[in-house]
């Protein structure tokens, strides 16, 4: 199995730190709002990577954090007049709902930044003791990047080039820095912000330190894979390397994986351009399985363009697989026993060649686009060779083999049961009654249930209108 390593800029044979085990860390979202479809790409991509490792027999320890203390969270809390914890807890719950909709397996561990402060204080103290960090007059702790000789090895940036890109230190508002490239490990509290006690000042951690501490605690000093979006390469992942390797005295991650950006109609996603979509908004138009299928339709290192036409194409492609699997299940219940015929054994051989094609694609830096093509070919072969005259052994084998490959992609192959109009109308009536009784929690619960059934509601002046997603 080969993985493209951002660190070396080439594909390398995967050799785990510990035979048979994969220690994998993926940077998770900052929870101040609903996750957007840009957040969804690494979630889906690296969940699929994890599933394929498991398919190959590895024991995977998969850790993905939630950043639950951050300027954006604090800003949102102030706007709503609540504390930061209320915001982070709300959006962690909402994020998990969206992840479930995208069929993302729960991580082995989802650590929270606020629960790892003790570890951060310890690592910062170690970095100060080793001479890699220093304390400014106001209690801010900075990492001295020039003390770490390999700084820039992931992003392939030169410190002197970075230096020339900075303006005067005094303009930054961080006069305590010894070098403009130095970054914050700990910062003093501001009025009304959450804070923790530390040897340097009452304050809170910088962003980068949390991932170094969480990876160390839950995976060890040396890990196999560190992953995330390519926007994290610099400075976040570069700074993680500097922190972890200086503190632990060992190489941090063997392989660095980064997915490419997601564009909307060939433009960068931006709220100002009005092309910013949350996963929740997409779920009102499409089953999130379609979003997952769309994300895997291109190689993870290729930029991906999101558009209505491409989502429709993904919806149709997914439907081909679901229809093929539905036919297999239906035939399986009707055919009798018996061992495979000579013709079926030949078709099984063709199918195994397609399975090998699928595995070759995934072994080549997780090429999900080519792997999905192999699934389509298996569906085509199945459609042309499975009938009421087939043996049960052949039908069951074909169904199970395609199912195994779909499971790696996270594709749920059972079609959702058709919802009758009467059921929908009854639930809408219950929701209206709940709204009238000001039981908005129940009303939202019913709306969510309808959404899970593929029914989108729209409240209008003429009343509630609904349509199938």
Protein backbone atom coordinates (compact mmCIF):
# COMPACT_ATOMS: atom_id res chain seq x y z
CA UNK A 1 0.00 0.00 0.00
CA UNK A 2 1.40 3.38 -1.03
CA UNK A 3 0.58 6.76 0.55
CA UNK A 4 1.53 10.19 -0.77
CA UNK A 5 3.47 11.79 2.07
CA UNK A 6 3.31 15.61 2.17
CA UNK A 7 6.53 15.54 4.20
CA UNK A 8 8.59 13.92 1.43
CA UNK A 9 6.42 14.94 -1.54
CA UNK A 10 6.28 11.41 -2.86
CA UNK A 11 4.36 8.16 -2.57
CA UNK A 12 5.82 5.80 0.00
CA UNK A 13 5.13 2.21 0.97
CA UNK A 14 3.08 2.16 4.16
CA UNK A 15 5.01 0.54 7.00
CA UNK A 16 3.34 1.05 10.42
CA UNK A 17 5.28 1.96 13.54
CA UNK A 18 3.85 -1.18 15.15
CA UNK A 19 3.03 -4.18 12.91
CA UNK A 20 -0.70 -4.70 12.35
CA UNK A 21 -1.67 -1.40 13.97
CA UNK A 22 -2.39 2.08 12.63
CA UNK A 23 -2.22 5.14 14.86
CA UNK A 24 -4.03 7.94 13.05
CA UNK A 25 -4.79 11.53 14.07
CA UNK A 26 -7.14 13.76 12.06
CA UNK A 27 -7.69 17.44 12.91
CA UNK A 28 -11.36 18.04 13.69
CA UNK A 29 -13.51 21.19 13.50
CA UNK A 30 -13.73 24.25 15.70
CA UNK A 31 -17.28 24.00 17.02
CA UNK A 32 -18.91 27.43 16.80
CA UNK A 33 -21.51 26.72 14.09
CA UNK A 34 -22.82 23.96 11.83
CA UNK A 35 -20.03 22.28 9.87
CA UNK A 36 -19.74 23.29 6.21
CA UNK A 37 -19.12 21.04 3.23
CA UNK A 38 -15.43 21.98 3.28
CA UNK A 39 -15.23 20.41 6.76
CA UNK A 40 -17.05 17.36 5.39
CA UNK A 41 -14.38 16.46 2.82
CA UNK A 42 -11.59 15.46 5.26
CA UNK A 43 -14.15 13.79 7.53
CA UNK A 44 -15.39 11.57 4.67
CA UNK A 45 -11.97 11.03 3.06
CA UNK A 46 -10.12 9.96 6.19
CA UNK A 47 -13.04 7.92 7.49
CA UNK A 48 -12.73 5.98 4.21
CA UNK A 49 -8.96 5.63 4.70
CA UNK A 50 -9.60 4.26 8.18
CA UNK A 51 -12.23 1.82 6.83
CA UNK A 52 -9.82 0.53 4.19
CA UNK A 53 -7.10 -0.10 6.76
CA UNK A 54 -9.66 -2.09 8.75
CA UNK A 55 -10.68 -3.96 5.57
CA UNK A 56 -7.00 -4.90 5.17
CA UNK A 57 -6.95 -6.29 8.70
CA UNK A 58 -5.28 -3.46 10.62
CA UNK A 59 -6.28 -2.48 14.14
CA UNK A 60 -6.89 1.28 13.79
CA UNK A 61 -6.73 3.76 16.66
CA UNK A 62 -8.42 6.80 15.10
CA UNK A 63 -8.36 10.06 17.05
CA UNK A 64 -10.06 13.26 15.91
CA UNK A 65 -10.43 16.29 18.15
CA UNK A 66 -13.01 19.02 18.68
CA UNK A 67 -11.56 22.49 19.30
CA UNK A 68 -13.98 23.75 21.95
CA UNK A 69 -12.15 26.90 23.09
CA UNK A 70 -11.36 29.50 20.43
CA UNK A 71 -11.91 33.15 19.51
CA UNK A 72 -14.81 32.26 17.19
CA UNK A 73 -16.57 30.27 19.91
CA UNK A 74 -16.11 33.11 22.41
CA UNK A 75 -17.43 35.66 19.86
CA UNK A 76 -20.52 33.51 19.22
CA UNK A 77 -21.10 33.11 22.97
CA UNK A 78 -20.92 36.88 23.52
CA UNK A 79 -23.36 37.47 20.64
CA UNK A 80 -25.87 35.04 22.18
CA UNK A 81 -25.26 36.06 25.77
CA UNK A 82 -24.27 32.55 26.87
CA UNK A 83 -21.02 30.93 27.97
CA UNK A 84 -18.56 29.36 25.52
CA UNK A 85 -19.30 25.85 26.79
CA UNK A 86 -22.96 26.20 25.80
CA UNK A 87 -21.92 27.03 22.23
CA UNK A 88 -19.33 24.26 21.92
CA UNK A 89 -21.59 21.56 23.39
CA UNK A 90 -24.45 22.56 21.09
CA UNK A 91 -22.35 22.39 17.93
CA UNK A 92 -20.50 19.23 18.90
CA UNK A 93 -23.93 17.56 19.12
CA UNK A 94 -24.96 19.06 15.76
CA UNK A 95 -21.67 18.02 14.17
CA UNK A 96 -22.17 14.43 15.35
CA UNK A 97 -25.66 14.41 13.79
CA UNK A 98 -24.19 15.47 10.44
CA UNK A 99 -21.38 12.92 10.75
CA UNK A 100 -23.95 10.19 11.39
CA UNK A 101 -25.85 11.34 8.29
CA UNK A 102 -22.63 11.01 6.26
CA UNK A 103 -22.11 7.53 7.79
CA UNK A 104 -18.80 8.47 9.41
CA UNK A 105 -17.70 5.88 11.95
CA UNK A 106 -17.26 7.24 15.48
CA UNK A 107 -13.60 7.91 16.25
CA UNK A 108 -11.81 5.76 18.79
CA UNK A 109 -11.57 9.03 20.74
CA UNK A 110 -12.89 12.58 20.19
CA UNK A 111 -10.86 14.59 22.72
CA UNK A 112 -11.90 18.12 23.66
CA UNK A 113 -9.33 20.90 24.05
CA UNK A 114 -10.83 22.04 27.37
CA UNK A 115 -10.31 18.56 28.84
CA UNK A 116 -6.61 18.45 27.90
CA UNK A 117 -5.36 21.67 29.58
CA UNK A 118 -3.21 19.80 32.10
CA UNK A 119 -1.33 18.02 29.30
CA UNK A 120 -0.86 21.33 27.48
CA UNK A 121 0.62 22.98 30.58
CA UNK A 122 3.03 20.04 30.96
CA UNK A 123 4.16 20.15 27.33
CA UNK A 124 4.59 23.94 27.39
CA UNK A 125 6.68 23.63 30.58
CA UNK A 126 8.84 20.99 28.88
CA UNK A 127 9.37 23.26 25.87
CA UNK A 128 10.41 26.15 28.15
CA UNK A 129 12.80 23.89 30.09
CA UNK A 130 14.38 22.64 26.85
CA UNK A 131 14.84 26.18 25.57
CA UNK A 132 12.33 25.99 22.72
CA UNK A 133 9.85 28.41 24.30
CA UNK A 134 10.01 31.63 26.30
CA UNK A 135 7.70 33.75 28.45
CA UNK A 136 6.99 37.38 27.51
CA UNK A 137 6.44 40.13 30.09
CA UNK A 138 2.63 39.84 29.89
CA UNK A 139 2.67 36.07 30.54
CA UNK A 140 2.31 35.03 26.91
CA UNK A 141 4.37 31.93 26.10
CA UNK A 142 5.88 31.79 22.60
CA UNK A 143 7.54 28.98 20.69
CA UNK A 144 10.90 30.05 19.27
CA UNK A 145 10.85 28.59 15.75
CA UNK A 146 14.55 29.30 15.09
CA UNK A 147 15.46 26.95 17.95
CA UNK A 148 13.91 24.07 15.98
CA UNK A 149 16.32 23.43 13.11
CA UNK A 150 13.83 21.47 10.99
CA UNK A 151 11.13 24.16 11.03
CA UNK A 152 9.52 24.32 7.58
CA UNK A 153 10.18 20.68 6.62
CA UNK A 154 6.49 19.85 6.09
CA UNK A 155 5.41 23.00 4.23
CA UNK A 156 8.83 23.22 2.52
CA UNK A 157 9.01 26.88 3.50
CA UNK A 158 12.23 28.69 4.31
CA UNK A 159 12.32 30.67 7.54
CA UNK A 160 14.25 33.54 5.96
CA UNK A 161 11.63 33.81 3.19
CA UNK A 162 8.89 33.84 5.83
CA UNK A 163 10.77 36.55 7.75
CA UNK A 164 10.81 38.85 4.72
CA UNK A 165 7.05 38.50 4.38
CA UNK A 166 6.37 40.01 7.82
CA UNK A 167 5.94 43.68 8.63
CA UNK A 168 7.50 45.25 11.73
CA UNK A 169 6.81 43.35 14.96
CA UNK A 170 5.31 46.44 16.58
CA UNK A 171 2.49 46.42 13.99
CA UNK A 172 1.36 42.92 14.97
CA UNK A 173 0.43 43.83 18.54
CA UNK A 174 2.74 41.08 19.79
CA UNK A 175 5.71 43.12 20.96
CA UNK A 176 6.81 40.31 23.30
CA UNK A 177 7.88 38.15 20.35
CA UNK A 178 11.59 37.68 19.81
CA UNK A 179 10.93 36.78 16.16
CA UNK A 180 7.87 37.52 13.99
CA UNK A 181 7.63 33.80 13.09
CA UNK A 182 7.29 32.71 16.73
CA UNK A 183 3.83 31.42 17.63
CA UNK A 184 1.70 31.39 20.77
CA UNK A 185 1.57 28.42 23.13
CA UNK A 186 -0.29 30.20 25.96
CA UNK A 187 -1.97 33.61 26.06
CA UNK A 188 -3.36 35.84 28.81
CA UNK A 189 -7.10 36.00 29.35
CA UNK A 190 -9.24 38.90 28.18
CA UNK A 191 -12.22 40.25 30.10
CA UNK A 192 -15.18 37.85 29.95
CA UNK A 193 -13.23 34.98 28.37
CA UNK A 194 -12.85 31.48 29.82
CA UNK A 195 -9.43 30.97 31.38
CA UNK A 196 -7.26 28.51 33.31
CA UNK A 197 -4.52 28.94 35.89
CA UNK A 198 -0.96 28.48 34.68
CA UNK A 199 2.57 29.20 35.97
CA UNK A 200 2.76 32.16 33.56
CA UNK A 201 -0.65 33.85 33.75
CA UNK A 202 -4.37 33.20 33.88
CA UNK A 203 -5.20 32.44 30.29
CA UNK A 204 -5.84 29.80 27.65
CA UNK A 205 -3.85 27.74 25.17
CA UNK A 206 -2.89 28.67 21.64
CA UNK A 207 -4.53 26.60 18.92
CA UNK A 208 -1.58 24.47 17.80
CA UNK A 209 -0.63 22.96 21.16
CA UNK A 210 -3.86 21.02 21.63
CA UNK A 211 -3.26 18.58 18.76
CA UNK A 212 0.32 17.83 19.84
CA UNK A 213 -0.91 17.01 23.34
CA UNK A 214 -3.90 14.94 22.24
CA UNK A 215 -1.87 12.90 19.74
CA UNK A 216 0.73 12.17 22.43
CA UNK A 217 -1.84 11.18 25.06
CA UNK A 218 -4.05 8.94 22.93
CA UNK A 219 -1.60 7.63 20.31
CA UNK A 220 1.93 8.02 21.72
CA UNK A 221 5.04 10.05 20.91
CA UNK A 222 5.33 8.55 17.40
CA UNK A 223 2.24 8.06 15.22
CA UNK A 224 1.67 6.58 11.79
CA UNK A 225 -0.57 9.11 10.06
CA UNK A 226 -1.50 12.72 10.71
CA UNK A 227 -4.17 14.06 8.36
CA UNK A 228 -6.34 17.05 7.55
CA UNK A 229 -7.13 19.62 4.87
CA UNK A 230 -4.25 21.13 2.90
CA UNK A 231 -5.03 24.52 4.47
CA UNK A 232 -3.61 23.10 7.73
CA UNK A 233 -0.15 22.30 6.35
CA UNK A 234 1.09 25.76 7.34
CA UNK A 235 1.18 26.93 10.00
CA UNK A 236 -0.87 24.44 12.02
CA UNK A 237 0.77 21.13 11.13
CA UNK A 238 4.20 22.71 10.78
CA UNK A 239 3.85 24.04 14.32
CA UNK A 240 2.64 20.68 15.62
CA UNK A 241 5.81 19.05 14.34
CA UNK A 242 7.97 21.72 15.99
CA UNK A 243 6.16 21.31 19.34
CA UNK A 244 5.93 17.51 19.39
CA UNK A 245 9.43 16.69 18.16
CA UNK A 246 11.06 19.27 20.43
CA UNK A 247 9.11 18.09 23.49
CA UNK A 248 9.25 14.33 22.85
CA UNK A 249 12.65 14.05 21.21
CA UNK A 250 11.28 11.71 18.53
CA UNK A 251 9.86 11.98 14.99
CA UNK A 252 6.17 12.88 15.30
CA UNK A 253 4.25 11.38 12.35
CA UNK A 254 5.64 9.08 9.63
CA UNK A 255 3.04 10.00 7.01
CA UNK A 256 1.26 13.32 6.49
CA UNK A 257 -1.91 13.19 4.39
CA UNK A 258 -3.78 16.26 3.16
CA UNK A 259 -6.95 16.55 1.09
CA UNK A 260 -7.27 19.32 -1.51
CA UNK A 261 -9.71 22.23 -1.40
CA UNK A 262 -13.39 22.13 -2.28
CA UNK A 263 -14.65 24.84 -4.65
CA UNK A 264 -18.25 25.85 -5.33
CA UNK A 265 -19.11 26.29 -9.03
CA UNK A 266 -15.38 26.75 -9.68
CA UNK A 267 -15.05 29.48 -7.04
CA UNK A 268 -13.66 29.39 -3.52
CA UNK A 269 -16.41 28.91 -0.95
CA UNK A 270 -17.15 32.22 0.76
CA UNK A 271 -20.02 33.71 2.74
CA UNK A 272 -19.49 37.04 0.97
CA UNK A 273 -20.00 35.37 -2.42
CA UNK A 274 -23.16 33.67 -1.19
CA UNK A 275 -21.83 30.21 -2.08
CA UNK A 276 -21.27 28.98 1.46
CA UNK A 277 -23.13 25.74 2.29
CA UNK A 278 -23.40 23.83 5.53
CA UNK A 279 -23.84 20.06 5.57
CA UNK A 280 -27.22 20.65 7.22
CA UNK A 281 -28.35 22.81 4.28
CA UNK A 282 -27.26 20.15 1.80
CA UNK A 283 -29.23 17.54 3.79
CA UNK A 284 -32.42 19.47 3.01
CA UNK A 285 -31.93 18.76 -0.71
CA UNK A 286 -30.06 15.47 -0.77
CA UNK A 287 -29.55 12.37 1.31
CA UNK A 288 -26.10 12.85 2.86
CA UNK A 289 -25.08 9.54 1.30
CA UNK A 290 -25.11 11.46 -1.99
CA UNK A 291 -22.71 14.03 -0.51
CA UNK A 292 -20.42 11.24 0.66
CA UNK A 293 -20.52 9.56 -2.75
CA UNK A 294 -19.76 12.91 -4.42
CA UNK A 295 -16.75 13.53 -2.15
CA UNK A 296 -15.28 10.12 -3.01
CA UNK A 297 -15.86 10.54 -6.75
CA UNK A 298 -12.51 12.35 -7.06
CA UNK A 299 -9.07 11.54 -5.67
CA UNK A 300 -8.64 13.18 -2.28
CA UNK A 301 -5.56 15.15 -3.40
CA UNK A 302 -7.41 16.64 -6.39
CA UNK A 303 -9.36 19.90 -6.04
CA UNK A 304 -13.08 19.10 -6.09
CA UNK A 305 -15.75 21.32 -7.59
CA UNK A 306 -19.18 21.28 -5.96
CA UNK A 307 -22.17 22.04 -8.19
CA UNK A 308 -25.83 21.06 -8.51
CA UNK A 309 -25.08 19.17 -11.75
CA UNK A 310 -22.30 17.12 -10.14
CA UNK A 311 -24.48 16.35 -7.11
CA UNK A 312 -27.24 15.13 -9.44
CA UNK A 313 -24.71 12.96 -11.27
CA UNK A 314 -23.59 11.54 -7.90
CA UNK A 315 -27.20 10.91 -6.92
CA UNK A 316 -27.76 8.96 -10.15
CA UNK A 317 -24.50 7.03 -9.75
CA UNK A 318 -25.35 6.04 -6.19
CA UNK A 319 -28.83 5.01 -7.34
CA UNK A 320 -27.27 2.57 -9.86
CA UNK A 321 -25.41 0.83 -7.03
CA UNK A 322 -28.43 0.77 -4.70
CA UNK A 323 -30.69 -0.59 -7.46
CA UNK A 324 -28.15 -3.30 -8.30
CA UNK A 325 -27.90 -4.34 -4.65
CA UNK A 326 -31.69 -4.29 -4.28
CA UNK A 327 -31.97 -6.69 -7.22
CA UNK A 328 -29.38 -9.02 -5.63
CA UNK A 329 -31.28 -9.11 -2.33
CA UNK A 330 -34.57 -9.73 -4.09
CA UNK A 331 -33.19 -12.58 -6.21
CA UNK A 332 -31.40 -14.08 -3.19
CA UNK A 333 -34.74 -14.60 -1.40
CA UNK A 334 -36.22 -16.42 -4.40
CA UNK A 335 -33.48 -18.73 -5.69
CA UNK A 336 -32.81 -22.21 -4.31
CA UNK A 337 -29.58 -23.78 -3.09
CA UNK A 338 -26.95 -25.56 -5.10
CA UNK A 339 -23.27 -25.03 -5.83
CA UNK A 340 -22.12 -22.62 -8.51
CA UNK A 341 -22.32 -23.75 -12.11
CA UNK A 342 -19.28 -23.72 -14.39
CA UNK A 343 -20.55 -20.50 -15.99
CA UNK A 344 -21.02 -18.90 -12.57
CA UNK A 345 -17.51 -19.91 -11.55
CA UNK A 346 -16.20 -18.10 -14.65
CA UNK A 347 -18.24 -15.03 -13.71
CA UNK A 348 -16.93 -15.26 -10.16
CA UNK A 349 -13.40 -15.20 -11.60
CA UNK A 350 -14.26 -12.00 -13.53
CA UNK A 351 -15.71 -10.49 -10.36
CA UNK A 352 -12.55 -11.31 -8.40
CA UNK A 353 -10.50 -9.50 -11.06
CA UNK A 354 -12.67 -6.43 -10.44
CA UNK A 355 -12.20 -6.80 -6.67
CA UNK A 356 -8.44 -6.89 -7.31
CA UNK A 357 -8.82 -3.76 -9.47
CA UNK A 358 -10.66 -2.08 -6.59
CA UNK A 359 -7.94 -3.02 -4.10
CA UNK A 360 -5.18 -1.89 -6.47
CA UNK A 361 -6.87 1.53 -6.71
CA UNK A 362 -7.16 1.85 -2.94
CA UNK A 363 -3.61 0.57 -2.41
CA UNK A 364 -2.41 3.36 -4.71
CA UNK A 365 -2.86 6.29 -2.30
CA UNK A 366 -6.57 5.59 -1.72
CA UNK A 367 -7.82 6.31 -5.24
CA UNK A 368 -11.53 6.20 -4.39
CA UNK A 369 -12.56 7.43 -7.86
CA UNK A 370 -11.08 4.33 -9.56
CA UNK A 371 -12.32 2.11 -6.72
CA UNK A 372 -15.89 3.31 -7.32
CA UNK A 373 -15.45 2.59 -11.05
CA UNK A 374 -14.62 -1.02 -10.11
CA UNK A 375 -17.83 -1.19 -8.02
CA UNK A 376 -19.82 0.05 -11.04
CA UNK A 377 -18.27 -2.71 -13.16
CA UNK A 378 -19.22 -5.28 -10.52
CA UNK A 379 -22.79 -3.99 -10.50
CA UNK A 380 -22.88 -4.24 -14.31
CA UNK A 381 -21.54 -7.81 -14.17
CA UNK A 382 -24.07 -8.68 -11.47
CA UNK A 383 -26.98 -7.20 -13.43
CA UNK A 384 -26.06 -9.22 -16.52
CA UNK A 385 -25.34 -12.55 -14.80
CA UNK A 386 -27.77 -12.80 -11.86
CA UNK A 387 -31.32 -14.00 -12.52
CA UNK A 388 -34.00 -16.26 -11.14
CA UNK A 389 -32.09 -19.17 -12.66
CA UNK A 390 -28.91 -18.43 -10.66
CA UNK A 391 -27.75 -20.57 -7.76
CA UNK A 392 -28.12 -19.13 -4.30
CA UNK A 393 -24.39 -19.61 -3.69
CA UNK A 394 -23.52 -17.34 -6.63
CA UNK A 395 -26.09 -14.66 -5.82
CA UNK A 396 -25.09 -14.53 -2.14
CA UNK A 397 -21.39 -14.44 -2.97
CA UNK A 398 -21.85 -11.58 -5.44
CA UNK A 399 -24.05 -9.62 -3.02
CA UNK A 400 -21.64 -10.06 -0.09
CA UNK A 401 -18.58 -9.17 -2.16
CA UNK A 402 -20.07 -5.91 -3.48
CA UNK A 403 -21.36 -5.12 0.01
CA UNK A 404 -17.84 -5.48 1.48
CA UNK A 405 -16.46 -2.95 -1.00
CA UNK A 406 -19.36 -0.54 -0.46
CA UNK A 407 -18.82 -0.76 3.30
CA UNK A 408 -15.27 0.57 2.83
CA UNK A 409 -16.71 3.53 0.90
CA UNK A 410 -19.25 4.04 3.68
CA UNK A 411 -22.09 3.47 1.20
CA UNK A 412 -25.28 2.26 2.84
CA UNK A 413 -26.74 -0.06 0.21
CA UNK A 414 -30.27 -0.44 1.57
CA UNK A 415 -32.68 2.01 0.00
CA UNK A 416 -34.75 4.06 2.41
CA UNK A 417 -38.31 2.77 2.67
CA UNK A 418 -40.80 4.78 0.62
CA UNK A 419 -42.73 7.14 2.84
CA UNK A 420 -46.47 7.31 2.23
CA UNK A 421 -48.10 10.71 1.83
CA UNK A 422 -50.54 9.90 4.67
CA UNK A 423 -47.64 9.30 7.07
CA UNK A 424 -46.11 12.64 6.13
CA UNK A 425 -49.38 14.55 6.52
CA UNK A 426 -49.95 12.95 9.93
CA UNK A 427 -46.49 13.96 11.18
CA UNK A 428 -46.92 17.49 9.82
CA UNK A 429 -50.23 17.75 11.71
CA UNK A 430 -48.45 16.62 14.90
CA UNK A 431 -45.74 19.23 14.33
CA UNK A 432 -48.31 21.99 13.81
CA UNK A 433 -50.07 20.98 17.04
CA UNK A 434 -46.74 21.08 18.88
CA UNK A 435 -45.97 24.55 17.51
CA UNK A 436 -49.42 25.76 18.53
CA UNK A 437 -48.78 24.45 22.04
CA UNK A 438 -45.39 26.25 21.96
CA UNK A 439 -43.63 22.90 22.32
CA UNK A 440 -40.89 23.91 19.91
CA UNK A 441 -38.54 21.12 20.98
CA UNK A 442 -41.10 18.50 19.88
CA UNK A 443 -41.80 20.46 16.68
CA UNK A 444 -38.07 20.46 15.84
CA UNK A 445 -37.82 16.76 16.67
CA UNK A 446 -40.67 15.96 14.25
CA UNK A 447 -39.10 18.14 11.56
CA UNK A 448 -35.84 16.24 12.04
CA UNK A 449 -37.65 12.91 11.82
CA UNK A 450 -39.25 13.97 8.54
CA UNK A 451 -35.86 15.07 7.24
CA UNK A 452 -34.45 11.64 8.09
CA UNK A 453 -37.32 10.20 6.03
CA UNK A 454 -36.27 12.37 3.09
CA UNK A 455 -39.02 14.95 3.54
CA UNK A 456 -38.17 18.67 3.45
CA UNK A 457 -40.61 21.14 5.04
CA UNK A 458 -41.08 24.79 4.16
CA UNK A 459 -43.19 27.11 6.31
CA UNK A 460 -45.05 29.58 4.05
CA UNK A 461 -47.86 32.10 4.46
CA UNK A 462 -50.21 29.55 2.93
CA UNK A 463 -49.13 26.93 5.48
CA UNK A 464 -46.60 24.10 5.55
CA UNK A 465 -45.46 22.75 2.20
CA UNK A 466 -43.37 19.62 1.80
CA UNK A 467 -41.36 17.83 -0.86
CA UNK A 468 -39.22 14.74 -1.15
CA UNK A 469 -35.47 15.39 -1.08
